Amino acid sequence: MVKVLFAIIKTARPRQWVKNFAVFTTIIFTGQLFNGELLWLSIRAFIVFCLLSSSNYIFNDILDAPKDRKHPFKKFRPVASGKLSVQAAGIASFLFFLAGMFISYQLGRPFLILATIFILLQYGYTLILKHASVIDILSITTLYFLRVYAGEAATGYHISIWLALAALSLALFLAIGKRRAELTLIQGYQGMVPRDTRDTLSHYSEKLLDTYTAMFANATFITYAFYTFFEKPIAKGFFFKNYTEFTPEFPDRKWMMVTIPFVLFGIMRYMQLIYEGKGESPEKVLMSDRPLLTTILLWAGTVFFVVYGIGG
């Protein structure tokens, strides 16, 4: 029984729950992180997306088991390796789905609608959409993006359009980078062809994916830079009563722009990892690559200081 539970947890891929922290975007960037009521709503939203995404991960592993057995890494997944039966995996997937939808209902109609779209798109991706080139990338992007707007639906607060565009560009960058890294990884194994592990990889050339990657890396940087410039300062911070108290000589200074170098380095570092074949699992890369993880922590700390420390 313990082995089965461990296999279910592994198949649920808790490592990928990192993606669901996107639901906290709204309360972090609107200065509401320490609003107890909104924080609790966001935590519940996070739990919903963890449950729903895990439901689909398990469902996906059931369907992909034959192809996963041919993959250099995926062949060790519990369903593909036979450590978790198809029946047990199916029951676990259904229970995750029920729990997620139950909490979604409690968070109100707007959030329930987004959660429903999210899980339908996830199942649609697993069954159909992942087999269509370009559509597969756009589907993954939409799933990333829905997480951001789920935070708005849960709390009632809204982020700026420039931050939303930056999140969309980043989602496209990560989704395309995932495909580029998969292609690089597969090409490193003799006797393997891309279509053996993913149908759409045979429709993506290196040049095409390189163009896509560069396009949305640039879009991510530019839209984030615009966000930092156009975003209005928050009135109060922890250390200063108002924004101009911190810099009385420069009341219009855009202090959020100091976070741009971290974003620039993060994009460049991630692109480097993509071309080394290490971007197949973005959440794994984000948590294991020290330079990238350090950059993210420094960026997060600087954002926190600007938004909550000086109110800028």
Protein backbone atom coordinates (compact mmCIF):
# COMPACT_ATOMS: atom_id res chain seq x y z
CA MET A 1 0.00 0.00 0.00
CA VAL A 2 2.82 2.40 0.90
CA LYS A 3 4.52 1.69 -2.43
CA VAL A 4 1.29 2.41 -4.29
CA LEU A 5 0.80 5.73 -2.47
CA PHE A 6 4.39 6.71 -3.17
CA ALA A 7 3.91 5.82 -6.85
CA ILE A 8 0.72 7.92 -6.99
CA ILE A 9 2.47 10.90 -5.43
CA LYS A 10 5.36 10.56 -7.87
CA THR A 11 2.95 10.30 -10.82
CA ALA A 12 1.12 13.41 -9.58
CA ARG A 13 4.41 15.25 -10.17
CA PRO A 14 4.49 17.58 -7.15
CA ARG A 15 7.70 19.06 -8.58
CA GLN A 16 5.59 20.66 -11.31
CA TRP A 17 3.38 22.41 -8.77
CA VAL A 18 5.97 25.18 -8.94
CA LYS A 19 4.07 26.41 -12.04
CA ASN A 20 0.99 26.99 -9.92
CA PHE A 21 2.71 29.68 -7.84
CA ALA A 22 1.69 31.92 -10.74
CA VAL A 23 -1.68 32.35 -8.99
CA PHE A 24 0.09 34.52 -6.39
CA THR A 25 1.13 37.03 -9.08
CA THR A 26 -1.90 39.22 -8.42
CA ILE A 27 -1.55 39.70 -4.68
CA ILE A 28 2.23 40.05 -4.84
CA PHE A 29 2.33 42.79 -7.47
CA THR A 30 -0.72 44.66 -6.16
CA GLY A 31 0.79 44.92 -2.69
CA GLN A 32 -1.79 42.61 -1.10
CA LEU A 33 0.48 39.72 -0.08
CA PHE A 34 -0.09 40.36 3.63
CA ASN A 35 -3.84 40.72 3.33
CA GLY A 36 -4.87 37.59 5.25
CA GLU A 37 -8.18 37.06 3.47
CA LEU A 38 -6.71 37.44 -0.03
CA LEU A 39 -3.70 35.31 0.85
CA TRP A 40 -5.97 32.48 1.99
CA LEU A 41 -8.00 32.73 -1.22
CA SER A 42 -4.80 32.55 -3.25
CA ILE A 43 -3.55 29.55 -1.28
CA ARG A 44 -6.80 27.72 -1.98
CA ALA A 45 -6.52 28.65 -5.65
CA PHE A 46 -2.99 27.24 -5.64
CA ILE A 47 -4.24 23.97 -4.13
CA VAL A 48 -6.95 23.73 -6.80
CA PHE A 49 -4.48 24.02 -9.63
CA CYS A 50 -2.17 21.50 -7.99
CA LEU A 51 -5.01 18.98 -7.73
CA LEU A 52 -6.31 19.56 -11.25
CA SER A 53 -2.91 19.52 -12.90
CA SER A 54 -1.97 16.33 -11.03
CA SER A 55 -5.21 14.72 -12.18
CA ASN A 56 -4.15 15.35 -15.75
CA TYR A 57 -0.53 14.29 -15.20
CA ILE A 58 -1.72 10.90 -14.00
CA PHE A 59 -4.20 10.64 -16.87
CA ASN A 60 -1.43 11.59 -19.31
CA ASP A 61 0.91 8.91 -17.97
CA ILE A 62 -1.79 6.27 -18.46
CA LEU A 63 -2.21 7.19 -22.13
CA ASP A 64 1.49 7.79 -22.85
CA ALA A 65 2.86 4.68 -21.16
CA PRO A 66 3.72 2.89 -24.47
CA LYS A 67 5.69 5.87 -25.81
CA ASP A 68 7.20 6.70 -22.43
CA ARG A 69 8.87 3.29 -22.41
CA LYS A 70 10.92 4.41 -25.44
CA HIS A 71 11.99 7.69 -23.82
CA PRO A 72 15.43 7.86 -22.14
CA PHE A 73 13.96 9.32 -18.91
CA LYS A 74 10.19 8.90 -19.02
CA LYS A 75 10.50 5.11 -19.09
CA PHE A 76 11.10 5.24 -15.33
CA ARG A 77 7.69 6.79 -14.57
CA PRO A 78 5.57 4.53 -12.30
CA VAL A 79 2.87 3.71 -14.89
CA ALA A 80 5.33 3.16 -17.74
CA SER A 81 7.58 0.99 -15.57
CA GLY A 82 4.66 -1.02 -14.16
CA LYS A 83 5.10 0.13 -10.55
CA LEU A 84 1.60 1.69 -10.61
CA SER A 85 -1.32 -0.16 -12.21
CA VAL A 86 -3.55 1.60 -14.74
CA GLN A 87 -6.61 1.01 -12.54
CA ALA A 88 -5.04 2.58 -9.43
CA ALA A 89 -3.77 5.50 -11.48
CA GLY A 90 -7.22 6.08 -12.99
CA ILE A 91 -8.90 6.16 -9.58
CA ALA A 92 -6.29 8.59 -8.23
CA SER A 93 -6.73 10.88 -11.22
CA PHE A 94 -10.51 10.99 -10.71
CA LEU A 95 -10.21 11.74 -6.98
CA PHE A 96 -7.77 14.60 -7.65
CA PHE A 97 -10.23 15.99 -10.17
CA LEU A 98 -13.20 15.83 -7.77
CA ALA A 99 -11.28 17.50 -4.95
CA GLY A 100 -10.06 20.28 -7.21
CA MET A 101 -13.49 21.07 -8.64
CA PHE A 102 -15.09 21.02 -5.18
CA ILE A 103 -12.72 23.72 -3.89
CA SER A 104 -13.13 25.66 -7.15
CA TYR A 105 -16.88 25.82 -6.57
CA GLN A 106 -16.25 27.37 -3.15
CA LEU A 107 -14.09 30.15 -4.66
CA GLY A 108 -16.89 31.62 -6.76
CA ARG A 109 -18.19 31.49 -10.30
CA PRO A 110 -15.36 33.40 -12.09
CA PHE A 111 -12.72 31.12 -10.59
CA LEU A 112 -14.83 28.02 -11.24
CA ILE A 113 -15.11 28.97 -14.91
CA LEU A 114 -11.34 29.42 -15.22
CA ALA A 115 -10.68 26.17 -13.37
CA THR A 116 -13.10 24.34 -15.67
CA ILE A 117 -11.45 25.79 -18.77
CA PHE A 118 -8.07 24.82 -17.32
CA ILE A 119 -8.91 21.17 -16.73
CA LEU A 120 -10.77 20.79 -20.02
CA LEU A 121 -7.81 22.25 -21.87
CA GLN A 122 -5.46 19.96 -19.97
CA TYR A 123 -7.45 16.87 -20.91
CA GLY A 124 -7.85 18.21 -24.44
CA TYR A 125 -4.10 18.66 -24.68
CA THR A 126 -3.46 15.13 -23.45
CA LEU A 127 -5.99 13.57 -25.84
CA ILE A 128 -5.74 15.69 -29.00
CA LEU A 129 -3.96 19.04 -28.91
CA LYS A 130 -0.47 17.78 -28.15
CA HIS A 131 -0.48 15.95 -31.47
CA ALA A 132 -0.91 19.17 -33.50
CA SER A 133 2.20 21.27 -34.11
CA VAL A 134 2.02 24.92 -32.99
CA ILE A 135 -1.34 24.18 -31.34
CA ASP A 136 0.53 22.14 -28.73
CA ILE A 137 2.74 25.13 -27.86
CA LEU A 138 -0.21 27.52 -27.72
CA SER A 139 -2.09 25.09 -25.46
CA ILE A 140 0.79 24.88 -22.98
CA THR A 141 1.05 28.67 -23.07
CA THR A 142 -2.65 29.09 -22.32
CA LEU A 143 -2.36 26.73 -19.35
CA TYR A 144 0.48 28.83 -17.93
CA PHE A 145 -1.46 32.03 -18.52
CA LEU A 146 -4.69 30.78 -16.94
CA ARG A 147 -2.84 30.33 -13.68
CA VAL A 148 -2.00 34.04 -13.60
CA TYR A 149 -5.58 35.15 -14.21
CA ALA A 150 -6.90 32.59 -11.74
CA GLY A 151 -5.28 34.76 -9.06
CA GLU A 152 -7.37 37.68 -10.28
CA ALA A 153 -10.55 35.59 -10.31
CA ALA A 154 -9.93 34.37 -6.77
CA THR A 155 -9.09 37.76 -5.22
CA GLY A 156 -10.87 40.36 -7.33
CA TYR A 157 -7.67 42.38 -7.78
CA HIS A 158 -6.13 43.04 -11.20
CA ILE A 159 -2.60 43.24 -12.57
CA SER A 160 -1.48 45.72 -15.23
CA ILE A 161 -1.79 44.82 -18.89
CA TRP A 162 1.99 45.08 -19.33
CA LEU A 163 2.60 42.53 -16.59
CA ALA A 164 -0.04 40.29 -18.18
CA LEU A 165 1.72 40.58 -21.55
CA ALA A 166 5.05 39.80 -19.89
CA ALA A 167 3.50 36.69 -18.32
CA LEU A 168 2.10 35.66 -21.71
CA SER A 169 5.45 36.16 -23.44
CA LEU A 170 7.24 34.23 -20.70
CA ALA A 171 4.74 31.39 -21.03
CA LEU A 172 5.40 31.20 -24.78
CA PHE A 173 9.15 31.34 -24.18
CA LEU A 174 9.02 28.46 -21.68
CA ALA A 175 6.71 26.34 -23.85
CA ILE A 176 8.87 26.76 -26.95
CA GLY A 177 12.02 26.26 -24.93
CA LYS A 178 10.58 22.97 -23.69
CA ARG A 179 10.18 21.74 -27.28
CA ARG A 180 13.65 22.97 -28.28
CA ALA A 181 15.27 21.20 -25.35
CA GLU A 182 13.34 17.99 -26.12
CA LEU A 183 14.62 18.09 -29.69
CA THR A 184 18.19 18.65 -28.53
CA LEU A 185 17.91 15.82 -26.00
CA ILE A 186 16.48 13.29 -28.47
CA GLN A 187 19.11 14.10 -31.07
CA GLY A 188 21.74 13.19 -28.50
CA TYR A 189 20.62 9.54 -28.43
CA GLN A 190 21.58 7.27 -31.30
CA GLY A 191 18.79 5.28 -32.91
CA MET A 192 16.05 7.60 -31.66
CA VAL A 193 13.92 9.86 -33.81
CA PRO A 194 11.74 12.71 -32.47
CA ARG A 195 8.41 11.15 -33.43
CA ASP A 196 9.14 8.11 -31.22
CA THR A 197 8.55 10.23 -28.11
CA ARG A 198 6.40 13.13 -29.36
CA ASP A 199 4.58 13.35 -32.70
CA THR A 200 4.90 17.10 -33.10
CA LEU A 201 8.69 17.12 -32.75
CA SER A 202 8.98 15.77 -36.30
CA HIS A 203 7.25 18.96 -37.53
CA TYR A 204 9.61 21.36 -35.77
CA SER A 205 12.94 22.16 -37.35
CA GLU A 206 15.80 23.52 -35.27
CA LYS A 207 15.73 26.78 -37.23
CA LEU A 208 12.00 27.27 -36.63
CA LEU A 209 12.27 26.65 -32.88
CA ASP A 210 15.33 28.89 -32.68
CA THR A 211 13.33 31.68 -34.32
CA TYR A 212 10.39 31.17 -31.96
CA THR A 213 12.70 31.10 -28.94
CA ALA A 214 14.44 34.34 -29.88
CA MET A 215 11.14 36.03 -30.70
CA PHE A 216 9.53 35.40 -27.34
CA ALA A 217 12.69 35.88 -25.32
CA ASN A 218 12.74 39.41 -26.75
CA ALA A 219 9.01 39.84 -26.13
CA THR A 220 9.41 38.78 -22.49
CA PHE A 221 12.20 41.28 -21.87
CA ILE A 222 10.49 44.19 -23.65
CA THR A 223 7.03 43.75 -22.09
CA TYR A 224 8.52 43.35 -18.62
CA ALA A 225 10.62 46.48 -19.13
CA PHE A 226 7.50 48.38 -20.17
CA TYR A 227 5.70 47.08 -17.08
CA THR A 228 8.42 48.36 -14.76
CA PHE A 229 8.33 51.78 -16.43
CA PHE A 230 4.59 52.31 -16.65
CA GLU A 231 3.51 50.71 -13.37
CA LYS A 232 2.26 53.25 -10.84
CA PRO A 233 3.93 53.16 -7.39
CA ILE A 234 2.03 51.69 -4.46
CA ALA A 235 1.24 54.36 -1.90
CA LYS A 236 2.79 52.82 1.23
CA GLY A 237 5.68 50.57 2.12
CA PHE A 238 6.90 49.00 5.35
CA PHE A 239 9.92 51.27 5.69
CA PHE A 240 8.47 54.51 4.39
CA LYS A 241 5.00 56.03 4.75
CA ASN A 242 4.88 57.01 1.12
CA TYR A 243 6.88 56.55 -2.02
CA THR A 244 8.41 60.05 -2.21
CA GLU A 245 9.75 59.81 1.36
CA PHE A 246 12.34 57.31 0.08
CA THR A 247 13.51 59.52 -2.79
CA PRO A 248 12.18 63.06 -2.25
CA GLU A 249 14.41 64.47 -5.00
CA PHE A 250 13.15 61.93 -7.55
CA PRO A 251 9.40 61.46 -6.99
CA ASP A 252 8.93 59.99 -10.48
CA ARG A 253 11.78 57.50 -10.27
CA LYS A 254 10.76 54.06 -11.53
CA TRP A 255 12.40 51.84 -8.93
CA MET A 256 10.87 48.64 -10.26
CA MET A 257 13.22 49.03 -13.22
CA VAL A 258 16.13 47.90 -11.02
CA THR A 259 14.75 44.36 -11.42
CA ILE A 260 15.32 44.37 -15.20
CA PRO A 261 18.96 43.10 -15.07
CA PHE A 262 17.82 39.98 -13.19
CA VAL A 263 15.19 39.27 -15.84
CA LEU A 264 17.71 39.81 -18.63
CA PHE A 265 20.24 37.43 -17.10
CA GLY A 266 17.51 34.87 -16.35
CA ILE A 267 16.39 34.83 -19.98
CA MET A 268 19.95 34.50 -21.26
CA ARG A 269 20.79 31.74 -18.79
CA TYR A 270 17.64 29.79 -19.58
CA MET A 271 18.34 29.99 -23.32
CA GLN A 272 21.80 28.62 -22.66
CA LEU A 273 20.28 25.67 -20.79
CA ILE A 274 17.76 25.08 -23.58
CA TYR A 275 20.53 24.59 -26.12
CA GLU A 276 22.27 22.21 -23.76
CA GLY A 277 19.12 20.07 -23.77
CA LYS A 278 18.26 20.86 -20.14
CA GLY A 279 15.01 22.79 -20.63
CA GLU A 280 12.68 19.85 -21.24
CA SER A 281 11.29 20.29 -17.74
CA PRO A 282 11.24 24.04 -16.92
CA GLU A 283 10.31 23.57 -13.27
CA LYS A 284 13.22 21.14 -12.77
CA VAL A 285 15.65 23.57 -14.37
CA LEU A 286 14.39 26.46 -12.26
CA MET A 287 14.93 24.51 -9.05
CA SER A 288 18.23 22.80 -9.91
CA ASP A 289 20.36 25.32 -11.82
CA ARG A 290 22.15 27.41 -9.21
CA PRO A 291 22.84 30.54 -11.31
CA LEU A 292 19.23 30.64 -12.49
CA LEU A 293 17.78 29.91 -9.05
CA THR A 294 20.02 32.57 -7.48
CA THR A 295 18.87 35.09 -10.07
CA ILE A 296 15.22 34.30 -9.42
CA LEU A 297 15.68 34.69 -5.67
CA LEU A 298 17.50 38.01 -6.12
CA TRP A 299 14.77 39.21 -8.49
CA ALA A 300 12.03 38.15 -6.04
CA GLY A 301 13.82 39.82 -3.14
CA THR A 302 14.25 43.05 -5.07
CA VAL A 303 10.59 43.05 -6.17
CA PHE A 304 9.56 42.49 -2.56
CA PHE A 305 11.71 45.37 -1.33
CA VAL A 306 10.46 47.76 -4.02
CA VAL A 307 6.75 46.89 -3.64
CA TYR A 308 6.58 46.36 0.13
CA GLY A 309 9.64 48.15 1.44
CA ILE A 310 9.50 51.52 -0.30
CA GLY A 311 6.06 51.24 -1.86
CA GLY A 312 7.42 51.71 -5.35
